[in-house]
PDB file of N, CA and C in Angstrom:
ATOM      1  N   UNK A   1      10.937  -0.335   2.933  1.00  0.00           N
ATOM      2  CA  UNK A   1      10.000   0.449   4.315  1.00  0.00           C
ATOM      3  C   UNK A   1       8.843   0.009   4.110  1.00  0.00           C
ATOM      4  N   UNK A   2       8.300  -0.311   5.336  1.00  0.00           N
ATOM      5  CA  UNK A   2       6.925  -0.440   5.475  1.00  0.00           C
ATOM      6  C   UNK A   2       6.454   0.426   6.692  1.00  0.00           C
ATOM      7  N   UNK A   3       5.624   1.230   6.506  1.00  0.00           N
ATOM      8  CA  UNK A   3       5.296   1.996   7.592  1.00  0.00           C
ATOM      9  C   UNK A   3       3.828   2.590   7.699  1.00  0.00           C
ATOM     10  N   UNK A   4       3.233   3.353   8.460  1.00  0.00           N
ATOM     11  CA  UNK A   4       1.928   4.113   8.371  1.00  0.00           C
ATOM     12  C   UNK A   4       2.107   5.436   7.912  1.00  0.00           C
ATOM     13  N   UNK A   5       1.002   5.785   7.036  1.00  0.00           N
ATOM     14  CA  UNK A   5       0.958   7.133   6.718  1.00  0.00           C
ATOM     15  C   UNK A   5       0.244   7.620   7.960  1.00  0.00           C
ATOM     16  N   UNK A   6       0.929   8.859   8.107  1.00  0.00           N
ATOM     17  CA  UNK A   6       0.567   9.739   9.281  1.00  0.00           C
ATOM     18  C   UNK A   6      -0.446  10.581   8.916  1.00  0.00           C
ATOM     19  N   UNK A   7      -1.715  10.573   9.629  1.00  0.00           N
ATOM     20  CA  UNK A   7      -2.840  11.246   9.127  1.00  0.00           C
ATOM     21  C   UNK A   7      -2.590  12.804   9.128  1.00  0.00           C
ATOM     22  N   UNK A   8      -3.369  13.674   8.363  1.00  0.00           N
ATOM     23  CA  UNK A   8      -2.689  14.810   8.282  1.00  0.00           C
ATOM     24  C   UNK A   8      -3.446  15.663   9.616  1.00  0.00           C
ATOM     25  N   UNK A   9      -2.637  16.902   9.723  1.00  0.00           N
ATOM     26  CA  UNK A   9      -2.973  17.798  11.145  1.00  0.00           C
ATOM     27  C   UNK A   9      -4.255  18.488  10.625  1.00  0.00           C
ATOM     28  N   UNK A  10      -4.745  18.921  11.791  1.00  0.00           N
ATOM     29  CA  UNK A  10      -6.107  19.645  11.847  1.00  0.00           C
ATOM     30  C   UNK A  10      -5.916  20.869  10.985  1.00  0.00           C
ATOM     31  N   UNK A  11      -4.756  21.275  10.378  1.00  0.00           N
ATOM     32  CA  UNK A  11      -4.681  22.482   9.773  1.00  0.00           C
ATOM     33  C   UNK A  11      -4.980  22.421   8.209  1.00  0.00           C
ATOM     34  N   UNK A  12      -5.475  21.015   7.783  1.00  0.00           N
ATOM     35  CA  UNK A  12      -5.557  20.976   6.541  1.00  0.00           C
ATOM     36  C   UNK A  12      -4.985  19.361   5.977  1.00  0.00           C
ATOM     37  N   UNK A  13      -5.332  19.325   4.677  1.00  0.00           N
ATOM     38  CA  UNK A  13      -4.641  17.845   4.253  1.00  0.00           C
ATOM     39  C   UNK A  13      -5.847  17.199   3.625  1.00  0.00           C
ATOM     40  N   UNK A  14      -5.548  16.269   3.086  1.00  0.00           N
ATOM     41  CA  UNK A  14      -6.676  15.534   2.449  1.00  0.00           C
ATOM     42  C   UNK A  14      -7.001  14.179   3.342  1.00  0.00           C
ATOM     43  N   UNK A  15      -7.874  14.611   3.972  1.00  0.00           N
ATOM     44  CA  UNK A  15      -8.220  13.360   5.309  1.00  0.00           C
ATOM     45  C   UNK A  15      -8.871  12.077   4.474  1.00  0.00           C
ATOM     46  N   UNK A  16      -9.178  12.138   3.367  1.00  0.00           N
ATOM     47  CA  UNK A  16      -9.722  10.914   2.699  1.00  0.00           C
ATOM     48  C   UNK A  16      -8.671   9.790   2.398  1.00  0.00           C
ATOM     49  N   UNK A  17      -7.393  10.328   1.903  1.00  0.00           N
ATOM     50  CA  UNK A  17      -6.287   9.793   1.226  1.00  0.00           C
ATOM     51  C   UNK A  17      -5.426   9.003   2.419  1.00  0.00           C
ATOM     52  N   UNK A  18      -5.487   9.574   3.732  1.00  0.00           N
ATOM     53  CA  UNK A  18      -4.743   8.987   4.855  1.00  0.00           C
ATOM     54  C   UNK A  18      -5.670   8.239   5.553  1.00  0.00           C
ATOM     55  N   UNK A  19      -5.285   6.956   5.830  1.00  0.00           N
ATOM     56  CA  UNK A  19      -6.351   6.186   6.806  1.00  0.00           C
ATOM     57  C   UNK A  19      -5.320   5.409   7.857  1.00  0.00           C
ATOM     58  N   UNK A  20      -6.103   5.231   8.890  1.00  0.00           N
ATOM     59  CA  UNK A  20      -5.223   4.245   9.967  1.00  0.00           C
ATOM     60  C   UNK A  20      -4.989   2.979   9.446  1.00  0.00           C
ATOM     61  N   UNK A  21      -5.798   2.268   8.738  1.00  0.00           N
ATOM     62  CA  UNK A  21      -5.551   1.057   8.170  1.00  0.00           C
ATOM     63  C   UNK A  21      -4.966   1.081   6.926  1.00  0.00           C
ATOM     64  N   UNK A  22      -4.106   1.864   6.388  1.00  0.00           N
ATOM     65  CA  UNK A  22      -3.182   2.006   5.182  1.00  0.00           C
ATOM     66  C   UNK A  22      -1.769   1.951   5.555  1.00  0.00           C
ATOM     67  N   UNK A  23      -0.917   1.167   4.871  1.00  0.00           N
ATOM     68  CA  UNK A  23       0.384   1.327   5.288  1.00  0.00           C
ATOM     69  C   UNK A  23       0.720   1.781   3.602  1.00  0.00           C
ATOM     70  N   UNK A  24       2.218   2.306   3.937  1.00  0.00           N
ATOM     71  CA  UNK A  24       3.212   2.569   2.798  1.00  0.00           C
ATOM     72  C   UNK A  24       4.149   1.597   2.305  1.00  0.00           C
ATOM     73  N   UNK A  25       4.405   1.285   1.481  1.00  0.00           N
ATOM     74  CA  UNK A  25       5.526   0.127   1.163  1.00  0.00           C
ATOM     75  C   UNK A  25       6.167   0.690   0.061  1.00  0.00           C
ATOM     76  N   UNK A  26       7.635   0.790   0.485  1.00  0.00           N
ATOM     77  CA  UNK A  26       8.571   1.261  -0.500  1.00  0.00           C
ATOM     78  C   UNK A  26       9.681   0.543  -0.938  1.00  0.00           C
ATOM     79  N   UNK A  27      10.468   0.855  -1.751  1.00  0.00           N
ATOM     80  CA  UNK A  27      11.538  -0.085  -2.266  1.00  0.00           C
ATOM     81  C   UNK A  27      11.243  -1.183  -3.046  1.00  0.00           C
ATOM     82  N   UNK A  28      10.088  -1.193  -3.633  1.00  0.00           N
ATOM     83  CA  UNK A  28       9.582  -2.183  -4.384  1.00  0.00           C
ATOM     84  C   UNK A  28      10.169  -2.317  -5.873  1.00  0.00           C
ATOM     85  N   UNK A  29      10.379  -3.725  -6.317  1.00  0.00           N
ATOM     86  CA  UNK A  29      11.078  -3.696  -7.512  1.00  0.00           C
ATOM     87  C   UNK A  29      10.399  -2.867  -8.897  1.00  0.00           C
ATOM     88  N   UNK A  30      11.403  -2.591  -9.684  1.00  0.00           N
ATOM     89  CA  UNK A  30      10.832  -1.762 -10.671  1.00  0.00           C
ATOM     90  C   UNK A  30      10.885  -2.887 -12.085  1.00  0.00           C
ATOM     91  N   UNK A  31      11.283  -3.858 -12.042  1.00  0.00           N
ATOM     92  CA  UNK A  31      11.728  -4.413 -13.394  1.00  0.00           C
ATOM     93  C   UNK A  31      10.724  -5.940 -13.638  1.00  0.00           C
ATOM     94  N   UNK A  32       9.517  -5.462 -12.880  1.00  0.00           N
ATOM     95  CA  UNK A  32       8.214  -6.474 -12.991  1.00  0.00           C
ATOM     96  C   UNK A  32       7.127  -5.718 -13.530  1.00  0.00           C
ATOM     97  N   UNK A  33       6.260  -6.465 -14.139  1.00  0.00           N
ATOM     98  CA  UNK A  33       4.952  -5.763 -14.595  1.00  0.00           C
ATOM     99  C   UNK A  33       4.231  -5.529 -13.477  1.00  0.00           C
ATOM    100  N   UNK A  34       3.362  -4.501 -14.027  1.00  0.00           N
ATOM    101  CA  UNK A  34       2.492  -3.819 -12.786  1.00  0.00           C
ATOM    102  C   UNK A  34       1.548  -4.997 -12.445  1.00  0.00           C
ATOM    103  N   UNK A  35       0.959  -5.767 -13.144  1.00  0.00           N
ATOM    104  CA  UNK A  35       0.105  -7.119 -12.806  1.00  0.00           C
ATOM    105  C   UNK A  35       0.869  -7.779 -11.841  1.00  0.00           C
ATOM    106  N   UNK A  36       2.116  -8.152 -12.255  1.00  0.00           N
ATOM    107  CA  UNK A  36       2.848  -9.102 -11.471  1.00  0.00           C
ATOM    108  C   UNK A  36       2.913  -8.525 -10.104  1.00  0.00           C
ATOM    109  N   UNK A  37       3.571  -7.320 -10.019  1.00  0.00           N
ATOM    110  CA  UNK A  37       3.533  -6.814  -8.753  1.00  0.00           C
ATOM    111  C   UNK A  37       2.445  -6.402  -7.824  1.00  0.00           C
ATOM    112  N   UNK A  38       1.187  -6.074  -8.405  1.00  0.00           N
ATOM    113  CA  UNK A  38      -0.162  -6.222  -7.665  1.00  0.00           C
ATOM    114  C   UNK A  38      -0.294  -7.637  -7.211  1.00  0.00           C
ATOM    115  N   UNK A  39      -0.289  -8.507  -8.008  1.00  0.00           N
ATOM    116  CA  UNK A  39      -0.376 -10.071  -7.483  1.00  0.00           C
ATOM    117  C   UNK A  39       0.570 -10.456  -6.368  1.00  0.00           C
ATOM    118  N   UNK A  40       1.670 -10.001  -6.407  1.00  0.00           N
ATOM    119  CA  UNK A  40       2.717 -10.423  -5.449  1.00  0.00           C
ATOM    120  C   UNK A  40       2.402  -9.638  -3.868  1.00  0.00           C
ATOM    121  N   UNK A  41       2.025  -8.231  -4.294  1.00  0.00           N
ATOM    122  CA  UNK A  41       1.667  -7.557  -3.088  1.00  0.00           C
ATOM    123  C   UNK A  41       0.452  -8.051  -2.190  1.00  0.00           C
ATOM    124  N   UNK A  42      -0.575  -8.485  -3.121  1.00  0.00           N
ATOM    125  CA  UNK A  42      -1.772  -9.026  -2.505  1.00  0.00           C
ATOM    126  C   UNK A  42      -1.515 -10.330  -1.917  1.00  0.00           C
ATOM    127  N   UNK A  43      -0.545 -11.499  -2.521  1.00  0.00           N
ATOM    128  CA  UNK A  43      -0.227 -12.645  -1.881  1.00  0.00           C
ATOM    129  C   UNK A  43       0.594 -12.419  -0.485  1.00  0.00           C
ATOM    130  N   UNK A  44       1.601 -11.539  -0.457  1.00  0.00           N
ATOM    131  CA  UNK A  44       2.039 -11.259   0.717  1.00  0.00           C
ATOM    132  C   UNK A  44       1.282 -10.540   1.750  1.00  0.00           C
ATOM    133  N   UNK A  45       0.620  -9.382   1.523  1.00  0.00           N
ATOM    134  CA  UNK A  45       0.054  -8.788   2.623  1.00  0.00           C
ATOM    135  C   UNK A  45      -1.390  -9.533   2.927  1.00  0.00           C
ATOM    136  N   UNK A  46      -1.861 -10.168   2.035  1.00  0.00           N
ATOM    137  CA  UNK A  46      -3.078 -10.977   2.698  1.00  0.00           C
ATOM    138  C   UNK A  46      -2.713 -12.010   3.883  1.00  0.00           C
ATOM    139  N   UNK A  47      -1.741 -12.356   4.024  1.00  0.00           N
ATOM    140  CA  UNK A  47      -1.465 -13.054   4.849  1.00  0.00           C
ATOM    141  C   UNK A  47      -1.511 -12.602   6.427  1.00  0.00           C
ATOM    142  N   UNK A  48      -1.589 -11.310   6.604  1.00  0.00           N
ATOM    143  CA  UNK A  48      -1.738 -10.534   7.723  1.00  0.00           C
ATOM    144  C   UNK A  48      -3.024 -10.140   8.083  1.00  0.00           C
ATOM    145  N   UNK A  49      -3.816  -9.983   7.211  1.00  0.00           N
ATOM    146  CA  UNK A  49      -5.222  -9.758   7.086  1.00  0.00           C
ATOM    147  C   UNK A  49      -6.058  -9.399   5.794  1.00  0.00           C
ATOM    148  N   UNK A  50      -7.202  -9.133   5.989  1.00  0.00           N
ATOM    149  CA  UNK A  50      -8.019  -8.826   4.486  1.00  0.00           C
ATOM    150  C   UNK A  50      -7.698  -7.641   4.080  1.00  0.00           C
ATOM    151  N   UNK A  51      -7.230  -7.465   2.755  1.00  0.00           N
ATOM    152  CA  UNK A  51      -7.253  -6.241   1.994  1.00  0.00           C
ATOM    153  C   UNK A  51      -8.610  -5.649   1.538  1.00  0.00           C
ATOM    154  N   UNK A  52      -8.562  -4.569   1.973  1.00  0.00           N
ATOM    155  CA  UNK A  52      -9.969  -3.754   1.401  1.00  0.00           C
ATOM    156  C   UNK A  52     -10.173  -4.042   0.031  1.00  0.00           C
ATOM    157  N   UNK A  53     -11.467  -4.227  -0.230  1.00  0.00           N
ATOM    158  CA  UNK A  53     -11.382  -4.057  -1.574  1.00  0.00           C
ATOM    159  C   UNK A  53     -12.318  -2.726  -2.319  1.00  0.00           C
ATOM    160  N   UNK A  54     -11.790  -2.394  -3.301  1.00  0.00           N
ATOM    161  CA  UNK A  54     -11.805  -0.852  -3.717  1.00  0.00           C
ATOM    162  C   UNK A  54     -13.292  -1.083  -4.566  1.00  0.00           C
ATOM    163  N   UNK A  55     -14.429  -0.314  -4.059  1.00  0.00           N
ATOM    164  CA  UNK A  55     -15.638  -0.340  -4.566  1.00  0.00           C
ATOM    165  C   UNK A  55     -15.786  -0.146  -6.273  1.00  0.00           C
ATOM    166  N   UNK A  56     -14.934   0.950  -6.491  1.00  0.00           N
ATOM    167  CA  UNK A  56     -15.018   1.262  -8.065  1.00  0.00           C
ATOM    168  C   UNK A  56     -14.281   0.292  -8.974  1.00  0.00           C
ATOM    169  N   UNK A  57     -13.188  -0.344  -8.734  1.00  0.00           N
ATOM    170  CA  UNK A  57     -12.446  -1.408  -9.488  1.00  0.00           C
ATOM    171  C   UNK A  57     -12.702  -2.881  -9.054  1.00  0.00           C
ATOM    172  N   UNK A  58     -13.364  -2.805  -7.939  1.00  0.00           N
ATOM    173  CA  UNK A  58     -13.590  -4.040  -7.397  1.00  0.00           C
ATOM    174  C   UNK A  58     -12.442  -5.129  -7.394  1.00  0.00           C
ATOM    175  N   UNK A  59     -11.341  -4.509  -7.304  1.00  0.00           N
ATOM    176  CA  UNK A  59      -9.952  -5.125  -7.087  1.00  0.00           C
ATOM    177  C   UNK A  59      -9.544  -4.937  -5.581  1.00  0.00           C
ATOM    178  N   UNK A  60      -8.487  -5.636  -5.200  1.00  0.00           N
ATOM    179  CA  UNK A  60      -7.739  -5.178  -3.700  1.00  0.00           C
ATOM    180  C   UNK A  60      -7.223  -3.614  -3.832  1.00  0.00           C
ATOM    181  N   UNK A  61      -7.662  -2.997  -2.646  1.00  0.00           N
ATOM    182  CA  UNK A  61      -7.035  -1.608  -2.714  1.00  0.00           C
ATOM    183  C   UNK A  61      -5.763  -1.300  -2.442  1.00  0.00           C
ATOM    184  N   UNK A  62      -4.974  -1.848  -3.546  1.00  0.00           N
ATOM    185  CA  UNK A  62      -3.470  -1.623  -3.586  1.00  0.00           C
ATOM    186  C   UNK A  62      -3.135  -0.602  -4.757  1.00  0.00           C
ATOM    187  N   UNK A  63      -2.626   0.531  -4.292  1.00  0.00           N
ATOM    188  CA  UNK A  63      -2.200   1.541  -5.058  1.00  0.00           C
ATOM    189  C   UNK A  63      -0.962   1.567  -5.487  1.00  0.00           C
ATOM    190  N   UNK A  64      -0.182   1.496  -6.748  1.00  0.00           N
ATOM    191  CA  UNK A  64       1.050   1.757  -6.890  1.00  0.00           C
ATOM    192  C   UNK A  64       1.255   3.098  -7.666  1.00  0.00           C
ATOM    193  N   UNK A  65       2.598   3.803  -6.972  1.00  0.00           N
ATOM    194  CA  UNK A  65       2.671   5.213  -7.397  1.00  0.00           C
ATOM    195  C   UNK A  65       3.660   5.403  -8.593  1.00  0.00           C
ATOM    196  N   UNK A  66       3.245   6.040  -9.166  1.00  0.00           N
ATOM    197  CA  UNK A  66       4.194   6.599 -10.590  1.00  0.00           C
ATOM    198  C   UNK A  66       4.829   7.771 -10.382  1.00  0.00           C
ATOM    199  N   UNK A  67       5.804   7.974 -11.355  1.00  0.00           N
ATOM    200  CA  UNK A  67       6.587   9.051 -11.464  1.00  0.00           C
ATOM    201  C   UNK A  67       5.598  10.419 -11.465  1.00  0.00           C
ATOM    202  N   UNK A  68       6.070  11.487 -11.508  1.00  0.00           N
ATOM    203  CA  UNK A  68       5.477  12.641 -11.175  1.00  0.00           C
ATOM    204  C   UNK A  68       4.275  13.030 -12.156  1.00  0.00           C
ATOM    205  N   UNK A  69       4.566  12.622 -13.534  1.00  0.00           N
ATOM    206  CA  UNK A  69       3.594  12.914 -14.505  1.00  0.00           C
ATOM    207  C   UNK A  69       2.450  11.800 -14.613  1.00  0.00           C
ATOM    208  N   UNK A  70       2.602  10.869 -13.487  1.00  0.00           N
ATOM    209  CA  UNK A  70       1.649   9.873 -13.631  1.00  0.00           C
ATOM    210  C   UNK A  70       1.491   8.671 -14.682  1.00  0.00           C
ATOM    211  N   UNK A  71       2.571   8.727 -15.425  1.00  0.00           N
ATOM    212  CA  UNK A  71       2.810   7.782 -16.379  1.00  0.00           C
ATOM    213  C   UNK A  71       3.573   6.648 -16.087  1.00  0.00           C
ATOM    214  N   UNK A  72       3.720   5.650 -16.618  1.00  0.00           N
ATOM    215  CA  UNK A  72       5.039   4.820 -16.483  1.00  0.00           C
ATOM    216  C   UNK A  72       6.260   5.302 -16.597  1.00  0.00           C
ATOM    217  N   UNK A  73       7.393   4.729 -16.105  1.00  0.00           N
ATOM    218  CA  UNK A  73       7.299   3.775 -14.964  1.00  0.00           C
ATOM    219  C   UNK A  73       6.561   3.883 -13.881  1.00  0.00           C
ATOM    220  N   UNK A  74       6.521   2.902 -12.672  1.00  0.00           N
ATOM    221  CA  UNK A  74       6.278   2.995 -11.433  1.00  0.00           C
ATOM    222  C   UNK A  74       7.482   3.595 -10.659  1.00  0.00           C
ATOM    223  N   UNK A  75       7.165   4.019  -9.591  1.00  0.00           N
ATOM    224  CA  UNK A  75       8.398   4.499  -8.556  1.00  0.00           C
ATOM    225  C   UNK A  75       8.904   3.622  -7.583  1.00  0.00           C
ATOM    226  N   UNK A  76       8.256   2.592  -7.431  1.00  0.00           N
ATOM    227  CA  UNK A  76       8.485   1.483  -6.190  1.00  0.00           C
ATOM    228  C   UNK A  76       7.932   1.846  -5.079  1.00  0.00           C
ATOM    229  N   UNK A  77       6.853   2.665  -5.049  1.00  0.00           N
ATOM    230  CA  UNK A  77       5.981   3.071  -3.903  1.00  0.00           C
ATOM    231  C   UNK A  77       4.693   2.451  -4.012  1.00  0.00           C
ATOM    232  N   UNK A  78       3.943   1.966  -2.852  1.00  0.00           N
ATOM    233  CA  UNK A  78       2.676   1.691  -2.769  1.00  0.00           C
ATOM    234  C   UNK A  78       1.837   1.774  -1.725  1.00  0.00           C
ATOM    235  N   UNK A  79       0.654   1.871  -1.836  1.00  0.00           N
ATOM    236  CA  UNK A  79      -0.350   1.715  -0.437  1.00  0.00           C
ATOM    237  C   UNK A  79      -1.134   0.659  -0.560  1.00  0.00           C
ATOM    238  N   UNK A  80      -1.360  -0.082   0.795  1.00  0.00           N
ATOM    239  CA  UNK A  80      -2.003  -1.052   1.102  1.00  0.00           C
ATOM    240  C   UNK A  80      -3.086  -0.580   1.904  1.00  0.00           C
ATOM    241  N   UNK A  81      -4.539  -0.882   1.619  1.00  0.00           N
ATOM    242  CA  UNK A  81      -5.632  -0.508   2.677  1.00  0.00           C
ATOM    243  C   UNK A  81      -6.347  -1.812   2.960  1.00  0.00           C
ATOM    244  N   UNK A  82      -6.136  -2.120   4.432  1.00  0.00           N
ATOM    245  CA  UNK A  82      -6.801  -3.416   4.922  1.00  0.00           C
ATOM    246  C   UNK A  82      -8.189  -2.894   5.510  1.00  0.00           C
ATOM    247  N   UNK A  83      -8.945  -4.046   5.810  1.00  0.00           N
ATOM    248  CA  UNK A  83     -10.121  -3.715   6.516  1.00  0.00           C
ATOM    249  C   UNK A  83     -10.050  -3.342   8.016  1.00  0.00           C
ATOM    250  N   UNK A  84      -9.171  -3.810   8.567  1.00  0.00           N
ATOM    251  CA  UNK A  84      -8.898  -3.547   9.956  1.00  0.00           C
ATOM    252  C   UNK A  84      -7.378  -3.149  10.272  1.00  0.00           C
ATOM    253  N   UNK A  85      -7.547  -1.965  11.171  1.00  0.00           N
ATOM    254  CA  UNK A  85      -6.127  -1.473  11.324  1.00  0.00           C
ATOM    255  C   UNK A  85      -5.079  -2.541  12.214  1.00  0.00           C
ATOM    256  N   UNK A  86      -5.766  -3.446  13.027  1.00  0.00           N
ATOM    257  CA  UNK A  86      -4.882  -4.801  13.469  1.00  0.00           C
ATOM    258  C   UNK A  86      -3.968  -5.230  12.230  1.00  0.00           C
ATOM    259  N   UNK A  87      -4.378  -5.152  11.041  1.00  0.00           N
ATOM    260  CA  UNK A  87      -3.484  -6.023  10.008  1.00  0.00           C
ATOM    261  C   UNK A  87      -2.238  -5.044   9.765  1.00  0.00           C
ATOM    262  N   UNK A  88      -2.616  -3.647   9.957  1.00  0.00           N
ATOM    263  CA  UNK A  88      -1.350  -2.777   9.727  1.00  0.00           C
ATOM    264  C   UNK A  88      -0.304  -2.953  10.728  1.00  0.00           C
ATOM    265  N   UNK A  89      -0.631  -3.324  11.924  1.00  0.00           N
ATOM    266  CA  UNK A  89       0.515  -3.569  12.912  1.00  0.00           C
ATOM    267  C   UNK A  89       0.991  -5.053  12.467  1.00  0.00           C
ATOM    268  N   UNK A  90       0.226  -5.732  12.201  1.00  0.00           N
ATOM    269  CA  UNK A  90       0.805  -7.024  11.873  1.00  0.00           C
ATOM    270  C   UNK A  90       1.579  -7.174  10.535  1.00  0.00           C
ATOM    271  N   UNK A  91       1.324  -6.310   9.597  1.00  0.00           N
ATOM    272  CA  UNK A  91       2.221  -6.155   8.443  1.00  0.00           C
ATOM    273  C   UNK A  91       3.636  -5.547   8.823  1.00  0.00           C
ATOM    274  N   UNK A  92       3.486  -4.592   9.637  1.00  0.00           N
ATOM    275  CA  UNK A  92       4.719  -3.993  10.080  1.00  0.00           C
ATOM    276  C   UNK A  92       5.667  -4.934  10.526  1.00  0.00           C
ATOM    277  N   UNK A  93       4.883  -5.425  11.699  1.00  0.00           N
ATOM    278  CA  UNK A  93       5.914  -6.366  12.397  1.00  0.00           C
ATOM    279  C   UNK A  93       6.494  -7.442  11.579  1.00  0.00           C
ATOM    280  N   UNK A  94       5.611  -8.098  10.633  1.00  0.00           N
ATOM    281  CA  UNK A  94       6.030  -9.190  10.082  1.00  0.00           C
ATOM    282  C   UNK A  94       7.079  -8.853   8.986  1.00  0.00           C
ATOM    283  N   UNK A  95       6.792  -7.552   8.210  1.00  0.00           N
ATOM    284  CA  UNK A  95       7.640  -7.526   6.869  1.00  0.00           C
ATOM    285  C   UNK A  95       8.611  -6.265   6.758  1.00  0.00           C
ATOM    286  N   UNK A  96       8.314  -5.268   7.806  1.00  0.00           N
ATOM    287  CA  UNK A  96       9.300  -4.280   7.744  1.00  0.00           C
ATOM    288  C   UNK A  96      10.710  -4.531   7.639  1.00  0.00           C
ATOM    289  N   UNK A  97      11.462  -4.327   6.602  1.00  0.00           N
ATOM    290  CA  UNK A  97      12.618  -4.571   6.104  1.00  0.00           C
ATOM    291  C   UNK A  97      13.237  -5.933   5.897  1.00  0.00           C
ATOM    292  N   UNK A  98      11.996  -6.814   5.770  1.00  0.00           N
ATOM    293  CA  UNK A  98      12.105  -8.079   5.073  1.00  0.00           C
ATOM    294  C   UNK A  98      11.886  -8.642   3.469  1.00  0.00           C
ATOM    295  N   UNK A  99      11.016  -7.557   3.031  1.00  0.00           N
ATOM    296  CA  UNK A  99      10.812  -7.739   1.685  1.00  0.00           C
ATOM    297  C   UNK A  99      11.959  -7.345   0.690  1.00  0.00           C
ATOM    298  N   UNK A 100      12.071  -7.758  -0.274  1.00  0.00           N
ATOM    299  CA  UNK A 100      13.034  -7.441  -1.255  1.00  0.00           C
ATOM    300  C   UNK A 100      12.818  -7.825  -2.457  1.00  0.00           C
TER     301      UNK A 100
END
């Protein structure tokens, strides 16, 4: 699944966590290294637009989700933040249901 994270309602929520230029990707493989997965996600999704650079890490703004205790293993879900909202639309149109 590739989709847009819905921004929180006015009743609360972490507004900085959800952005219009961010997508959620689920169903990612669990049998490859974190480094290989990050590289693969960057290679695939940079074809539809520039992925934002995280100012703290200086790497691509791709966040891999972990199990509840925030320790390995990964849970097969990630968010990718693009520089432009149009890239989100392109990513959904091109890859939703296509990645394996």
